[in-house]
């Protein structure tokens, strides 16, 4: 690696670099990707704006809607 182009402390990146390739890769869905992201948008919005958001419930609802979108190919 060309040290002249590195502008961050490499020791701060060590945990990321050491662990990134140990993570399980979960690819995007093969169909209906935008619909799935749309289903998740409402979850993100609720988490950011509602301190009482029921995150597990919201994720479950988004999962049901997303799986339906994937199944229908919409």
N, C-alpha and C. Protein backbone atom coordinates (compact mmCIF):
# COMPACT_ATOMS: atom_id res chain seq x y z
N UNK A 1 0.85 -1.17 0.00
CA UNK A 1 0.00 0.00 0.00
C UNK A 1 0.90 1.24 0.00
N UNK A 2 0.56 2.20 -0.83
CA UNK A 2 1.33 3.43 -0.94
C UNK A 2 1.08 4.31 0.28
N UNK A 3 2.06 4.41 1.16
CA UNK A 3 1.93 5.18 2.39
C UNK A 3 1.65 6.66 2.14
N UNK A 4 1.99 7.16 0.96
CA UNK A 4 1.78 8.59 0.66
C UNK A 4 0.30 8.95 0.53
N UNK A 5 -0.54 7.96 0.22
CA UNK A 5 -1.96 8.26 0.02
C UNK A 5 -2.81 7.92 1.24
N UNK A 6 -2.22 7.39 2.28
CA UNK A 6 -2.97 7.03 3.49
C UNK A 6 -3.08 8.26 4.37
N UNK A 7 -4.33 8.65 4.69
CA UNK A 7 -4.54 9.86 5.49
C UNK A 7 -5.30 9.60 6.78
N UNK A 8 -5.29 8.35 7.22
CA UNK A 8 -5.94 7.99 8.49
C UNK A 8 -4.97 7.14 9.30
N UNK A 9 -5.11 7.17 10.62
CA UNK A 9 -4.25 6.31 11.46
C UNK A 9 -4.62 4.83 11.27
N UNK A 10 -3.71 4.06 10.72
CA UNK A 10 -4.00 2.65 10.41
C UNK A 10 -4.32 1.84 11.66
N UNK A 11 -3.74 2.20 12.81
CA UNK A 11 -4.05 1.44 14.02
C UNK A 11 -5.51 1.58 14.41
N UNK A 12 -6.16 2.68 14.03
CA UNK A 12 -7.58 2.84 14.33
C UNK A 12 -8.45 1.97 13.42
N UNK A 13 -7.93 1.58 12.29
CA UNK A 13 -8.66 0.72 11.36
C UNK A 13 -8.42 -0.76 11.61
N UNK A 14 -7.47 -1.09 12.48
CA UNK A 14 -7.10 -2.49 12.71
C UNK A 14 -8.29 -3.37 13.10
N UNK A 15 -9.16 -2.96 14.04
CA UNK A 15 -10.29 -3.84 14.39
C UNK A 15 -11.20 -4.12 13.18
N UNK A 16 -11.42 -3.11 12.36
CA UNK A 16 -12.23 -3.31 11.15
C UNK A 16 -11.53 -4.26 10.19
N UNK A 17 -10.27 -3.97 9.89
CA UNK A 17 -9.53 -4.80 8.94
C UNK A 17 -9.37 -6.23 9.43
N UNK A 18 -9.21 -6.41 10.73
CA UNK A 18 -9.04 -7.75 11.28
C UNK A 18 -10.35 -8.55 11.27
N UNK A 19 -11.49 -7.88 11.34
CA UNK A 19 -12.75 -8.58 11.48
C UNK A 19 -13.64 -8.63 10.26
N UNK A 20 -13.41 -7.77 9.29
CA UNK A 20 -14.36 -7.64 8.18
C UNK A 20 -14.53 -8.93 7.39
N UNK A 21 -13.48 -9.69 7.21
CA UNK A 21 -13.59 -10.89 6.39
C UNK A 21 -14.09 -12.10 7.17
N UNK A 22 -14.33 -11.93 8.46
CA UNK A 22 -14.91 -12.99 9.27
C UNK A 22 -16.43 -12.90 9.30
N UNK A 23 -16.99 -11.81 8.81
CA UNK A 23 -18.43 -11.58 8.83
C UNK A 23 -19.13 -12.40 7.75
N UNK A 24 -20.33 -12.85 8.07
CA UNK A 24 -21.15 -13.55 7.08
C UNK A 24 -21.75 -12.51 6.14
N UNK A 25 -21.56 -12.71 4.86
CA UNK A 25 -22.11 -11.80 3.87
C UNK A 25 -23.57 -12.17 3.62
N UNK A 26 -24.45 -11.18 3.75
CA UNK A 26 -25.86 -11.38 3.47
C UNK A 26 -26.19 -10.48 2.27
N UNK A 27 -26.34 -11.07 1.10
CA UNK A 27 -26.56 -10.26 -0.09
C UNK A 27 -27.95 -9.63 -0.12
N UNK A 28 -28.09 -8.63 -0.97
CA UNK A 28 -29.41 -8.03 -1.18
C UNK A 28 -30.32 -9.08 -1.82
N UNK A 29 -31.63 -8.90 -1.65
CA UNK A 29 -32.55 -9.84 -2.31
C UNK A 29 -32.39 -9.76 -3.83
N UNK A 30 -32.60 -10.90 -4.49
CA UNK A 30 -32.45 -10.94 -5.95
C UNK A 30 -33.58 -10.23 -6.67
N UNK A 31 -34.71 -10.08 -5.99
CA UNK A 31 -35.87 -9.41 -6.59
C UNK A 31 -36.42 -8.41 -5.59
N UNK A 32 -37.04 -7.40 -6.09
CA UNK A 32 -37.78 -6.44 -5.25
C UNK A 32 -36.91 -5.68 -4.26
N UNK A 33 -35.67 -5.44 -4.62
CA UNK A 33 -34.76 -4.77 -3.69
C UNK A 33 -35.29 -3.41 -3.26
N UNK A 34 -35.76 -2.61 -4.19
CA UNK A 34 -36.25 -1.28 -3.83
C UNK A 34 -37.49 -1.35 -2.96
N UNK A 35 -38.34 -2.33 -3.20
CA UNK A 35 -39.53 -2.50 -2.35
C UNK A 35 -39.12 -2.86 -0.92
N UNK A 36 -38.12 -3.72 -0.79
CA UNK A 36 -37.65 -4.10 0.54
C UNK A 36 -37.07 -2.89 1.26
N UNK A 37 -36.25 -2.11 0.55
CA UNK A 37 -35.71 -0.89 1.16
C UNK A 37 -36.84 0.07 1.54
N UNK A 38 -37.86 0.15 0.73
CA UNK A 38 -39.01 1.00 1.05
C UNK A 38 -39.70 0.52 2.32
N UNK A 39 -39.81 -0.78 2.47
CA UNK A 39 -40.41 -1.33 3.70
C UNK A 39 -39.57 -0.99 4.92
N UNK A 40 -38.27 -0.96 4.75
CA UNK A 40 -37.37 -0.64 5.88
C UNK A 40 -37.29 0.85 6.18
N UNK A 41 -37.62 1.70 5.20
CA UNK A 41 -37.57 3.15 5.41
C UNK A 41 -38.45 3.57 6.59
N UNK A 42 -39.63 2.99 6.68
CA UNK A 42 -40.54 3.38 7.76
C UNK A 42 -39.98 2.95 9.12
N UNK A 43 -39.24 1.84 9.14
CA UNK A 43 -38.62 1.40 10.39
C UNK A 43 -37.55 2.39 10.82
N UNK A 44 -36.70 2.77 9.89
CA UNK A 44 -35.63 3.73 10.19
C UNK A 44 -36.23 5.05 10.66
N UNK A 45 -37.25 5.52 9.96
CA UNK A 45 -37.89 6.78 10.34
C UNK A 45 -38.47 6.70 11.75
N UNK A 46 -39.14 5.61 12.07
CA UNK A 46 -39.73 5.46 13.41
C UNK A 46 -38.66 5.41 14.49
N UNK A 47 -37.58 4.69 14.22
CA UNK A 47 -36.50 4.58 15.21
C UNK A 47 -35.87 5.94 15.47
N UNK A 48 -35.75 6.74 14.43
CA UNK A 48 -35.11 8.05 14.58
C UNK A 48 -36.03 9.11 15.17
N UNK A 49 -37.33 8.92 15.06
CA UNK A 49 -38.25 9.98 15.49
C UNK A 49 -39.13 9.63 16.69
N UNK A 50 -39.27 8.34 16.98
CA UNK A 50 -40.16 7.92 18.06
C UNK A 50 -39.36 7.21 19.15
N UNK A 51 -39.16 7.87 20.29
CA UNK A 51 -38.37 7.24 21.36
C UNK A 51 -39.02 5.97 21.92
N UNK A 52 -40.30 5.78 21.66
CA UNK A 52 -41.02 4.60 22.15
C UNK A 52 -41.25 3.56 21.06
N UNK A 53 -40.53 3.69 19.97
CA UNK A 53 -40.72 2.76 18.84
C UNK A 53 -40.44 1.33 19.29
N UNK A 54 -41.32 0.44 18.90
CA UNK A 54 -41.15 -0.98 19.20
C UNK A 54 -40.36 -1.60 18.04
N UNK A 55 -39.05 -1.57 18.17
CA UNK A 55 -38.17 -1.95 17.07
C UNK A 55 -38.39 -3.40 16.64
N UNK A 56 -38.44 -4.37 17.54
CA UNK A 56 -38.68 -5.75 17.07
C UNK A 56 -39.98 -5.89 16.28
N UNK A 57 -41.03 -5.23 16.74
CA UNK A 57 -42.31 -5.30 16.03
C UNK A 57 -42.21 -4.64 14.66
N UNK A 58 -41.57 -3.48 14.61
CA UNK A 58 -41.42 -2.79 13.33
C UNK A 58 -40.61 -3.63 12.34
N UNK A 59 -39.55 -4.26 12.83
CA UNK A 59 -38.74 -5.11 11.95
C UNK A 59 -39.52 -6.33 11.48
N UNK A 60 -40.33 -6.88 12.36
CA UNK A 60 -41.15 -8.03 11.97
C UNK A 60 -42.15 -7.64 10.89
N UNK A 61 -42.79 -6.49 11.05
CA UNK A 61 -43.74 -6.01 10.05
C UNK A 61 -43.04 -5.77 8.71
N UNK A 62 -41.86 -5.15 8.76
CA UNK A 62 -41.10 -4.90 7.53
C UNK A 62 -40.67 -6.20 6.88
N UNK A 63 -40.31 -7.19 7.70
CA UNK A 63 -39.92 -8.49 7.16
C UNK A 63 -41.09 -9.15 6.44
N UNK A 64 -42.26 -9.12 7.04
CA UNK A 64 -43.45 -9.72 6.41
C UNK A 64 -43.73 -9.03 5.07
N UNK A 65 -43.70 -7.69 5.07
CA UNK A 65 -43.97 -6.95 3.84
C UNK A 65 -42.87 -7.21 2.81
N UNK A 66 -41.62 -7.22 3.24
CA UNK A 66 -40.52 -7.46 2.32
C UNK A 66 -40.55 -8.86 1.72
N UNK A 67 -40.84 -9.85 2.55
CA UNK A 67 -40.93 -11.21 2.03
C UNK A 67 -42.08 -11.34 1.04
N UNK A 68 -43.16 -10.65 1.29
CA UNK A 68 -44.29 -10.67 0.34
C UNK A 68 -43.87 -10.04 -0.99
N UNK A 69 -43.12 -8.93 -0.92
CA UNK A 69 -42.64 -8.29 -2.15
C UNK A 69 -41.71 -9.22 -2.92
N UNK A 70 -40.80 -9.86 -2.19
CA UNK A 70 -39.86 -10.79 -2.85
C UNK A 70 -40.61 -11.95 -3.48
N UNK A 71 -41.57 -12.51 -2.76
CA UNK A 71 -42.35 -13.65 -3.27
C UNK A 71 -43.14 -13.29 -4.53
N UNK A 72 -43.66 -12.07 -4.53
CA UNK A 72 -44.47 -11.66 -5.70
C UNK A 72 -43.60 -11.18 -6.86
N UNK A 73 -42.33 -10.90 -6.58
CA UNK A 73 -41.45 -10.40 -7.62
C UNK A 73 -41.73 -8.97 -8.00
N UNK A 74 -42.48 -8.27 -7.16
CA UNK A 74 -42.85 -6.88 -7.48
C UNK A 74 -41.70 -5.93 -7.22
